[in-house]
Amino acid sequence: MSTTGSRFKKIRTALNLSQEVFGQKIGLSKSGVSAVENNKTFVSLDILTTLFVDYNINLNYLVCGYGSMFNQKNIEDDFTIKVKAVLRAEGLIG
């Protein structure tokens, strides 16, 4: 069975980062990353927020093992961006 620590490690390796570099980016030491990966500790809410905001990590995946590793892009946001670009190009909005 997959653990939070093993999923944390899968995220790090999917990002192609060493424990040291990943730790620097999310606010943990290399030994802190290792402790999480080995299920000796869990990350703080601040680190969960960083993973969600900066890396688009699906927290349901990390904590519970449900869903995809990364959140899916919001199709509606992409559509809105494209529509606004067309309207700007046509001079209909500023």
PDB file of N, CA and C in Angstrom:
ATOM      1  N   MET A   1       0.842  -1.197   0.000  1.00  0.00           N
ATOM      2  CA  MET A   1       0.000   0.000   0.000  1.00  0.00           C
ATOM      3  C   MET A   1       0.878   1.248   0.000  1.00  0.00           C
ATOM      4  N   SER A   2       0.479   2.218  -0.763  1.00  0.00           N
ATOM      5  CA  SER A   2       1.197   3.476  -0.881  1.00  0.00           C
ATOM      6  C   SER A   2       1.038   4.307   0.399  1.00  0.00           C
ATOM      7  N   THR A   3       2.111   4.956   0.800  1.00  0.00           N
ATOM      8  CA  THR A   3       2.069   5.820   1.979  1.00  0.00           C
ATOM      9  C   THR A   3       2.221   7.279   1.562  1.00  0.00           C
ATOM     10  N   THR A   4       1.918   8.173   2.483  1.00  0.00           N
ATOM     11  CA  THR A   4       2.110   9.599   2.205  1.00  0.00           C
ATOM     12  C   THR A   4       3.560   9.866   1.855  1.00  0.00           C
ATOM     13  N   GLY A   5       4.473   9.246   2.582  1.00  0.00           N
ATOM     14  CA  GLY A   5       5.896   9.434   2.315  1.00  0.00           C
ATOM     15  C   GLY A   5       6.304   8.967   0.931  1.00  0.00           C
ATOM     16  N   SER A   6       5.783   7.825   0.514  1.00  0.00           N
ATOM     17  CA  SER A   6       6.130   7.327  -0.824  1.00  0.00           C
ATOM     18  C   SER A   6       5.532   8.221  -1.904  1.00  0.00           C
ATOM     19  N   ARG A   7       4.342   8.756  -1.664  1.00  0.00           N
ATOM     20  CA  ARG A   7       3.743   9.676  -2.638  1.00  0.00           C
ATOM     21  C   ARG A   7       4.517  10.999  -2.676  1.00  0.00           C
ATOM     22  N   PHE A   8       4.982  11.455  -1.532  1.00  0.00           N
ATOM     23  CA  PHE A   8       5.809  12.660  -1.448  1.00  0.00           C
ATOM     24  C   PHE A   8       7.074  12.469  -2.289  1.00  0.00           C
ATOM     25  N   LYS A   9       7.682  11.295  -2.166  1.00  0.00           N
ATOM     26  CA  LYS A   9       8.891  10.994  -2.945  1.00  0.00           C
ATOM     27  C   LYS A   9       8.569  10.929  -4.436  1.00  0.00           C
ATOM     28  N   LYS A  10       7.430  10.342  -4.794  1.00  0.00           N
ATOM     29  CA  LYS A  10       7.035  10.281  -6.210  1.00  0.00           C
ATOM     30  C   LYS A  10       6.865  11.682  -6.785  1.00  0.00           C
ATOM     31  N   ILE A  11       6.305  12.584  -5.990  1.00  0.00           N
ATOM     32  CA  ILE A  11       6.148  13.972  -6.429  1.00  0.00           C
ATOM     33  C   ILE A  11       7.522  14.587  -6.668  1.00  0.00           C
ATOM     34  N   ARG A  12       8.424  14.414  -5.713  1.00  0.00           N
ATOM     35  CA  ARG A  12       9.771  14.977  -5.842  1.00  0.00           C
ATOM     36  C   ARG A  12      10.478  14.439  -7.078  1.00  0.00           C
ATOM     37  N   THR A  13      10.395  13.131  -7.291  1.00  0.00           N
ATOM     38  CA  THR A  13      11.072  12.547  -8.444  1.00  0.00           C
ATOM     39  C   THR A  13      10.383  12.949  -9.755  1.00  0.00           C
ATOM     40  N   ALA A  14       9.061  13.118  -9.741  1.00  0.00           N
ATOM     41  CA  ALA A  14       8.354  13.585 -10.940  1.00  0.00           C
ATOM     42  C   ALA A  14       8.804  14.999 -11.315  1.00  0.00           C
ATOM     43  N   LEU A  15       9.149  15.787 -10.303  1.00  0.00           N
ATOM     44  CA  LEU A  15       9.652  17.138 -10.541  1.00  0.00           C
ATOM     45  C   LEU A  15      11.144  17.130 -10.881  1.00  0.00           C
ATOM     46  N   ASN A  16      11.744  15.932 -10.823  1.00  0.00           N
ATOM     47  CA  ASN A  16      13.161  15.745 -11.138  1.00  0.00           C
ATOM     48  C   ASN A  16      14.066  16.586 -10.238  1.00  0.00           C
ATOM     49  N   LEU A  17      13.761  16.561  -8.931  1.00  0.00           N
ATOM     50  CA  LEU A  17      14.537  17.338  -7.967  1.00  0.00           C
ATOM     51  C   LEU A  17      15.178  16.416  -6.936  1.00  0.00           C
ATOM     52  N   SER A  18      16.384  16.769  -6.512  1.00  0.00           N
ATOM     53  CA  SER A  18      17.033  16.044  -5.424  1.00  0.00           C
ATOM     54  C   SER A  18      16.337  16.404  -4.116  1.00  0.00           C
ATOM     55  N   GLN A  19      16.607  15.624  -3.080  1.00  0.00           N
ATOM     56  CA  GLN A  19      16.026  15.944  -1.771  1.00  0.00           C
ATOM     57  C   GLN A  19      16.462  17.330  -1.317  1.00  0.00           C
ATOM     58  N   GLU A  20      17.715  17.661  -1.553  1.00  0.00           N
ATOM     59  CA  GLU A  20      18.241  18.956  -1.117  1.00  0.00           C
ATOM     60  C   GLU A  20      17.562  20.118  -1.844  1.00  0.00           C
ATOM     61  N   VAL A  21      17.475  20.030  -3.160  1.00  0.00           N
ATOM     62  CA  VAL A  21      16.877  21.116  -3.947  1.00  0.00           C
ATOM     63  C   VAL A  21      15.382  21.221  -3.665  1.00  0.00           C
ATOM     64  N   PHE A  22      14.694  20.083  -3.614  1.00  0.00           N
ATOM     65  CA  PHE A  22      13.263  20.096  -3.304  1.00  0.00           C
ATOM     66  C   PHE A  22      13.026  20.737  -1.940  1.00  0.00           C
ATOM     67  N   GLY A  23      13.836  20.347  -0.973  1.00  0.00           N
ATOM     68  CA  GLY A  23      13.715  20.924   0.367  1.00  0.00           C
ATOM     69  C   GLY A  23      13.894  22.431   0.363  1.00  0.00           C
ATOM     70  N   GLN A  24      14.900  22.906  -0.360  1.00  0.00           N
ATOM     71  CA  GLN A  24      15.132  24.352  -0.445  1.00  0.00           C
ATOM     72  C   GLN A  24      13.924  25.068  -1.027  1.00  0.00           C
ATOM     73  N   LYS A  25      13.298  24.464  -2.018  1.00  0.00           N
ATOM     74  CA  LYS A  25      12.176  25.100  -2.692  1.00  0.00           C
ATOM     75  C   LYS A  25      10.905  25.132  -1.845  1.00  0.00           C
ATOM     76  N   ILE A  26      10.749  24.147  -0.953  1.00  0.00           N
ATOM     77  CA  ILE A  26       9.511  24.099  -0.167  1.00  0.00           C
ATOM     78  C   ILE A  26       9.708  24.437   1.306  1.00  0.00           C
ATOM     79  N   GLY A  27      10.949  24.694   1.716  1.00  0.00           N
ATOM     80  CA  GLY A  27      11.200  25.113   3.087  1.00  0.00           C
ATOM     81  C   GLY A  27      11.531  23.992   4.051  1.00  0.00           C
ATOM     82  N   LEU A  28      12.176  22.936   3.550  1.00  0.00           N
ATOM     83  CA  LEU A  28      12.617  21.827   4.398  1.00  0.00           C
ATOM     84  C   LEU A  28      14.101  21.577   4.170  1.00  0.00           C
ATOM     85  N   SER A  29      14.754  21.032   5.175  1.00  0.00           N
ATOM     86  CA  SER A  29      16.132  20.591   4.991  1.00  0.00           C
ATOM     87  C   SER A  29      16.125  19.267   4.227  1.00  0.00           C
ATOM     88  N   LYS A  30      17.296  18.858   3.755  1.00  0.00           N
ATOM     89  CA  LYS A  30      17.405  17.568   3.078  1.00  0.00           C
ATOM     90  C   LYS A  30      16.968  16.449   4.018  1.00  0.00           C
ATOM     91  N   SER A  31      17.369  16.531   5.286  1.00  0.00           N
ATOM     92  CA  SER A  31      16.974  15.498   6.251  1.00  0.00           C
ATOM     93  C   SER A  31      15.478  15.556   6.536  1.00  0.00           C
ATOM     94  N   GLY A  32      14.891  16.741   6.447  1.00  0.00           N
ATOM     95  CA  GLY A  32      13.446  16.877   6.613  1.00  0.00           C
ATOM     96  C   GLY A  32      12.691  16.200   5.489  1.00  0.00           C
ATOM     97  N   VAL A  33      13.181  16.373   4.260  1.00  0.00           N
ATOM     98  CA  VAL A  33      12.570  15.701   3.107  1.00  0.00           C
ATOM     99  C   VAL A  33      12.678  14.188   3.293  1.00  0.00           C
ATOM    100  N   SER A  34      13.847  13.728   3.714  1.00  0.00           N
ATOM    101  CA  SER A  34      14.055  12.297   3.938  1.00  0.00           C
ATOM    102  C   SER A  34      13.107  11.765   5.013  1.00  0.00           C
ATOM    103  N   ALA A  35      12.923  12.528   6.075  1.00  0.00           N
ATOM    104  CA  ALA A  35      12.029  12.097   7.166  1.00  0.00           C
ATOM    105  C   ALA A  35      10.596  11.959   6.667  1.00  0.00           C
ATOM    106  N   VAL A  36      10.151  12.881   5.813  1.00  0.00           N
ATOM    107  CA  VAL A  36       8.799  12.788   5.254  1.00  0.00           C
ATOM    108  C   VAL A  36       8.703  11.567   4.347  1.00  0.00           C
ATOM    109  N   GLU A  37       9.701  11.382   3.481  1.00  0.00           N
ATOM    110  CA  GLU A  37       9.685  10.253   2.552  1.00  0.00           C
ATOM    111  C   GLU A  37       9.706   8.909   3.266  1.00  0.00           C
ATOM    112  N   ASN A  38      10.298   8.884   4.468  1.00  0.00           N
ATOM    113  CA  ASN A  38      10.373   7.644   5.241  1.00  0.00           C
ATOM    114  C   ASN A  38       9.285   7.544   6.313  1.00  0.00           C
ATOM    115  N   ASN A  39       8.268   8.390   6.180  1.00  0.00           N
ATOM    116  CA  ASN A  39       7.097   8.365   7.070  1.00  0.00           C
ATOM    117  C   ASN A  39       7.434   8.578   8.535  1.00  0.00           C
ATOM    118  N   LYS A  40       8.483   9.346   8.796  1.00  0.00           N
ATOM    119  CA  LYS A  40       8.851   9.656  10.176  1.00  0.00           C
ATOM    120  C   LYS A  40       8.212  10.956  10.658  1.00  0.00           C
ATOM    121  N   THR A  41       7.763  11.768   9.711  1.00  0.00           N
ATOM    122  CA  THR A  41       7.102  13.027  10.032  1.00  0.00           C
ATOM    123  C   THR A  41       6.199  13.404   8.866  1.00  0.00           C
ATOM    124  N   PHE A  42       5.415  14.447   9.063  1.00  0.00           N
ATOM    125  CA  PHE A  42       4.554  14.945   8.003  1.00  0.00           C
ATOM    126  C   PHE A  42       4.841  16.420   7.813  1.00  0.00           C
ATOM    127  N   VAL A  43       4.498  16.956   6.668  1.00  0.00           N
ATOM    128  CA  VAL A  43       4.769  18.359   6.368  1.00  0.00           C
ATOM    129  C   VAL A  43       3.730  19.271   7.011  1.00  0.00           C
ATOM    130  N   SER A  44       4.125  20.519   7.211  1.00  0.00           N
ATOM    131  CA  SER A  44       3.239  21.511   7.809  1.00  0.00           C
ATOM    132  C   SER A  44       2.212  22.006   6.801  1.00  0.00           C
ATOM    133  N   LEU A  45       1.240  22.713   7.300  1.00  0.00           N
ATOM    134  CA  LEU A  45       0.231  23.323   6.438  1.00  0.00           C
ATOM    135  C   LEU A  45       0.872  24.315   5.478  1.00  0.00           C
ATOM    136  N   ASP A  46       1.889  25.033   5.936  1.00  0.00           N
ATOM    137  CA  ASP A  46       2.589  25.977   5.055  1.00  0.00           C
ATOM    138  C   ASP A  46       3.220  25.256   3.865  1.00  0.00           C
ATOM    139  N   ILE A  47       3.807  24.108   4.112  1.00  0.00           N
ATOM    140  CA  ILE A  47       4.440  23.347   3.034  1.00  0.00           C
ATOM    141  C   ILE A  47       3.376  22.761   2.115  1.00  0.00           C
ATOM    142  N   LEU A  48       2.274  22.288   2.672  1.00  0.00           N
ATOM    143  CA  LEU A  48       1.174  21.799   1.839  1.00  0.00           C
ATOM    144  C   LEU A  48       0.676  22.915   0.922  1.00  0.00           C
ATOM    145  N   THR A  49       0.567  24.112   1.467  1.00  0.00           N
ATOM    146  CA  THR A  49       0.123  25.260   0.678  1.00  0.00           C
ATOM    147  C   THR A  49       1.103  25.545  -0.449  1.00  0.00           C
ATOM    148  N   THR A  50       2.398  25.503  -0.148  1.00  0.00           N
ATOM    149  CA  THR A  50       3.421  25.721  -1.174  1.00  0.00           C
ATOM    150  C   THR A  50       3.322  24.671  -2.275  1.00  0.00           C
ATOM    151  N   LEU A  51       3.140  23.410  -1.884  1.00  0.00           N
ATOM    152  CA  LEU A  51       3.017  22.346  -2.874  1.00  0.00           C
ATOM    153  C   LEU A  51       1.805  22.574  -3.768  1.00  0.00           C
ATOM    154  N   PHE A  52       0.712  23.017  -3.175  1.00  0.00           N
ATOM    155  CA  PHE A  52      -0.520  23.256  -3.920  1.00  0.00           C
ATOM    156  C   PHE A  52      -0.384  24.467  -4.849  1.00  0.00           C
ATOM    157  N   VAL A  53       0.081  25.573  -4.318  1.00  0.00           N
ATOM    158  CA  VAL A  53       0.125  26.826  -5.070  1.00  0.00           C
ATOM    159  C   VAL A  53       1.265  26.840  -6.087  1.00  0.00           C
ATOM    160  N   ASP A  54       2.471  26.480  -5.650  1.00  0.00           N
ATOM    161  CA  ASP A  54       3.640  26.608  -6.524  1.00  0.00           C
ATOM    162  C   ASP A  54       3.839  25.432  -7.481  1.00  0.00           C
ATOM    163  N   TYR A  55       3.351  24.246  -7.091  1.00  0.00           N
ATOM    164  CA  TYR A  55       3.615  23.060  -7.898  1.00  0.00           C
ATOM    165  C   TYR A  55       2.350  22.361  -8.394  1.00  0.00           C
ATOM    166  N   ASN A  56       1.190  22.925  -8.077  1.00  0.00           N
ATOM    167  CA  ASN A  56      -0.087  22.391  -8.551  1.00  0.00           C
ATOM    168  C   ASN A  56      -0.307  20.936  -8.121  1.00  0.00           C
ATOM    169  N   ILE A  57       0.180  20.606  -6.926  1.00  0.00           N
ATOM    170  CA  ILE A  57       0.042  19.246  -6.404  1.00  0.00           C
ATOM    171  C   ILE A  57      -1.381  19.033  -5.908  1.00  0.00           C
ATOM    172  N   ASN A  58      -1.958  17.902  -6.264  1.00  0.00           N
ATOM    173  CA  ASN A  58      -3.273  17.505  -5.788  1.00  0.00           C
ATOM    174  C   ASN A  58      -3.096  16.986  -4.358  1.00  0.00           C
ATOM    175  N   LEU A  59      -3.576  17.739  -3.385  1.00  0.00           N
ATOM    176  CA  LEU A  59      -3.389  17.360  -1.985  1.00  0.00           C
ATOM    177  C   LEU A  59      -4.156  16.099  -1.627  1.00  0.00           C
ATOM    178  N   ASN A  60      -5.246  15.810  -2.328  1.00  0.00           N
ATOM    179  CA  ASN A  60      -5.941  14.540  -2.116  1.00  0.00           C
ATOM    180  C   ASN A  60      -5.025  13.372  -2.462  1.00  0.00           C
ATOM    181  N   TYR A  61      -4.239  13.542  -3.515  1.00  0.00           N
ATOM    182  CA  TYR A  61      -3.276  12.503  -3.888  1.00  0.00           C
ATOM    183  C   TYR A  61      -2.210  12.353  -2.802  1.00  0.00           C
ATOM    184  N   LEU A  62      -1.609  13.468  -2.393  1.00  0.00           N
ATOM    185  CA  LEU A  62      -0.522  13.409  -1.421  1.00  0.00           C
ATOM    186  C   LEU A  62      -0.982  12.819  -0.095  1.00  0.00           C
ATOM    187  N   VAL A  63      -2.053  13.318   0.444  1.00  0.00           N
ATOM    188  CA  VAL A  63      -2.487  12.917   1.781  1.00  0.00           C
ATOM    189  C   VAL A  63      -3.216  11.577   1.786  1.00  0.00           C
ATOM    190  N   CYS A  64      -4.096  11.366   0.819  1.00  0.00           N
ATOM    191  CA  CYS A  64      -4.973  10.186   0.851  1.00  0.00           C
ATOM    192  C   CYS A  64      -4.698   9.156  -0.249  1.00  0.00           C
ATOM    193  N   GLY A  65      -3.960   9.545  -1.270  1.00  0.00           N
ATOM    194  CA  GLY A  65      -3.704   8.633  -2.377  1.00  0.00           C
ATOM    195  C   GLY A  65      -4.790   8.606  -3.431  1.00  0.00           C
ATOM    196  N   TYR A  66      -5.663   9.616  -3.432  1.00  0.00           N
ATOM    197  CA  TYR A  66      -6.772   9.668  -4.394  1.00  0.00           C
ATOM    198  C   TYR A  66      -6.458  10.627  -5.533  1.00  0.00           C
ATOM    199  N   GLY A  67      -6.784  10.215  -6.740  1.00  0.00           N
ATOM    200  CA  GLY A  67      -6.671  11.100  -7.887  1.00  0.00           C
ATOM    201  C   GLY A  67      -5.280  11.166  -8.471  1.00  0.00           C
ATOM    202  N   SER A  68      -5.081  12.163  -9.307  1.00  0.00           N
ATOM    203  CA  SER A  68      -3.817  12.377 -10.005  1.00  0.00           C
ATOM    204  C   SER A  68      -2.836  13.109  -9.102  1.00  0.00           C
ATOM    205  N   MET A  69      -1.571  12.957  -9.411  1.00  0.00           N
ATOM    206  CA  MET A  69      -0.519  13.634  -8.645  1.00  0.00           C
ATOM    207  C   MET A  69      -0.650  15.156  -8.751  1.00  0.00           C
ATOM    208  N   PHE A  70      -0.944  15.615  -9.950  1.00  0.00           N
ATOM    209  CA  PHE A  70      -1.064  17.046 -10.191  1.00  0.00           C
ATOM    210  C   PHE A  70      -2.523  17.387 -10.476  1.00  0.00           C
ATOM    211  N   ASN A  71      -2.938  18.581 -10.057  1.00  0.00           N
ATOM    212  CA  ASN A  71      -4.285  19.058 -10.365  1.00  0.00           C
ATOM    213  C   ASN A  71      -4.389  19.290 -11.858  1.00  0.00           C
ATOM    214  N   GLN A  72      -5.554  19.023 -12.395  1.00  0.00           N
ATOM    215  CA  GLN A  72      -5.795  19.260 -13.814  1.00  0.00           C
ATOM    216  C   GLN A  72      -5.977  20.753 -14.028  1.00  0.00           C
ATOM    217  N   LYS A  73      -5.488  21.247 -15.158  1.00  0.00           N
ATOM    218  CA  LYS A  73      -5.695  22.658 -15.480  1.00  0.00           C
ATOM    219  C   LYS A  73      -7.185  22.907 -15.630  1.00  0.00           C
ATOM    220  N   ASN A  74      -7.578  24.059 -15.222  1.00  0.00           N
ATOM    221  CA  ASN A  74      -8.979  24.435 -15.335  1.00  0.00           C
ATOM    222  C   ASN A  74      -9.271  24.845 -16.780  1.00  0.00           C
ATOM    223  N   ILE A  75     -10.025  24.032 -17.482  1.00  0.00           N
ATOM    224  CA  ILE A  75     -10.332  24.268 -18.891  1.00  0.00           C
ATOM    225  C   ILE A  75     -11.059  25.591 -19.072  1.00  0.00           C
ATOM    226  N   GLU A  76     -11.921  25.929 -18.131  1.00  0.00           N
ATOM    227  CA  GLU A  76     -12.667  27.182 -18.222  1.00  0.00           C
ATOM    228  C   GLU A  76     -11.725  28.373 -18.196  1.00  0.00           C
ATOM    229  N   ASP A  77     -10.683  28.330 -17.357  1.00  0.00           N
ATOM    230  CA  ASP A  77      -9.710  29.418 -17.307  1.00  0.00           C
ATOM    231  C   ASP A  77      -8.991  29.565 -18.642  1.00  0.00           C
ATOM    232  N   ASP A  78      -8.578  28.450 -19.244  1.00  0.00           N
ATOM    233  CA  ASP A  78      -7.919  28.491 -20.545  1.00  0.00           C
ATOM    234  C   ASP A  78      -8.834  29.096 -21.598  1.00  0.00           C
ATOM    235  N   PHE A  79     -10.099  28.714 -21.581  1.00  0.00           N
ATOM    236  CA  PHE A  79     -11.074  29.230 -22.543  1.00  0.00           C
ATOM    237  C   PHE A  79     -11.235  30.741 -22.372  1.00  0.00           C
ATOM    238  N   THR A  80     -11.364  31.182 -21.132  1.00  0.00           N
ATOM    239  CA  THR A  80     -11.532  32.609 -20.854  1.00  0.00           C
ATOM    240  C   THR A  80     -10.331  33.398 -21.345  1.00  0.00           C
ATOM    241  N   ILE A  81      -9.132  32.894 -21.125  1.00  0.00           N
ATOM    242  CA  ILE A  81      -7.914  33.566 -21.576  1.00  0.00           C
ATOM    243  C   ILE A  81      -7.908  33.694 -23.097  1.00  0.00           C
ATOM    244  N   LYS A  82      -8.296  32.623 -23.787  1.00  0.00           N
ATOM    245  CA  LYS A  82      -8.307  32.636 -25.253  1.00  0.00           C
ATOM    246  C   LYS A  82      -9.358  33.608 -25.798  1.00  0.00           C
ATOM    247  N   VAL A  83     -10.525  33.620 -25.181  1.00  0.00           N
ATOM    248  CA  VAL A  83     -11.579  34.540 -25.623  1.00  0.00           C
ATOM    249  C   VAL A  83     -11.134  35.981 -25.426  1.00  0.00           C
ATOM    250  N   LYS A  84     -10.561  36.293 -24.290  1.00  0.00           N
ATOM    251  CA  LYS A  84     -10.084  37.660 -24.040  1.00  0.00           C
ATOM    252  C   LYS A  84      -9.005  38.060 -25.033  1.00  0.00           C
ATOM    253  N   ALA A  85      -8.124  37.125 -25.385  1.00  0.00           N
ATOM    254  CA  ALA A  85      -7.075  37.431 -26.360  1.00  0.00           C
ATOM    255  C   ALA A  85      -7.672  37.773 -27.714  1.00  0.00           C
ATOM    256  N   VAL A  86      -8.674  37.029 -28.136  1.00  0.00           N
ATOM    257  CA  VAL A  86      -9.340  37.305 -29.412  1.00  0.00           C
ATOM    258  C   VAL A  86     -10.041  38.659 -29.352  1.00  0.00           C
ATOM    259  N   LEU A  87     -10.744  38.930 -28.257  1.00  0.00           N
ATOM    260  CA  LEU A  87     -11.450  40.220 -28.124  1.00  0.00           C
ATOM    261  C   LEU A  87     -10.475  41.383 -28.121  1.00  0.00           C
ATOM    262  N   ARG A  88      -9.331  41.223 -27.477  1.00  0.00           N
ATOM    263  CA  ARG A  88      -8.304  42.267 -27.488  1.00  0.00           C
ATOM    264  C   ARG A  88      -7.753  42.470 -28.899  1.00  0.00           C
ATOM    265  N   ALA A  89      -7.477  41.376 -29.585  1.00  0.00           N
ATOM    266  CA  ALA A  89      -6.945  41.433 -30.937  1.00  0.00           C
ATOM    267  C   ALA A  89      -7.906  42.138 -31.880  1.00  0.00           C
ATOM    268  N   GLU A  90      -9.192  41.976 -31.643  1.00  0.00           N
ATOM    269  CA  GLU A  90     -10.211  42.621 -32.472  1.00  0.00           C
ATOM    270  C   GLU A  90     -10.519  44.036 -32.001  1.00  0.00           C
ATOM    271  N   GLY A  91      -9.866  44.465 -30.926  1.00  0.00           N
ATOM    272  CA  GLY A  91     -10.068  45.822 -30.419  1.00  0.00           C
ATOM    273  C   GLY A  91     -11.386  46.020 -29.682  1.00  0.00           C
ATOM    274  N   LEU A  92     -11.999  44.924 -29.265  1.00  0.00           N
ATOM    275  CA  LEU A  92     -13.286  45.026 -28.592  1.00  0.00           C
ATOM    276  C   LEU A  92     -13.170  45.249 -27.089  1.00  0.00           C
ATOM    277  N   ILE A  93     -12.004  44.913 -26.532  1.00  0.00           N
ATOM    278  CA  ILE A  93     -11.744  45.203 -25.120  1.00  0.00           C
ATOM    279  C   ILE A  93     -10.314  45.705 -25.002  1.00  0.00           C
ATOM    280  N   GLY A  94     -10.042  46.392 -23.884  1.00  0.00           N
ATOM    281  CA  GLY A  94      -8.725  46.967 -23.668  1.00  0.00           C
ATOM    282  C   GLY A  94      -7.749  46.070 -23.021  1.00  0.00           C
TER     283      GLY A  94
END
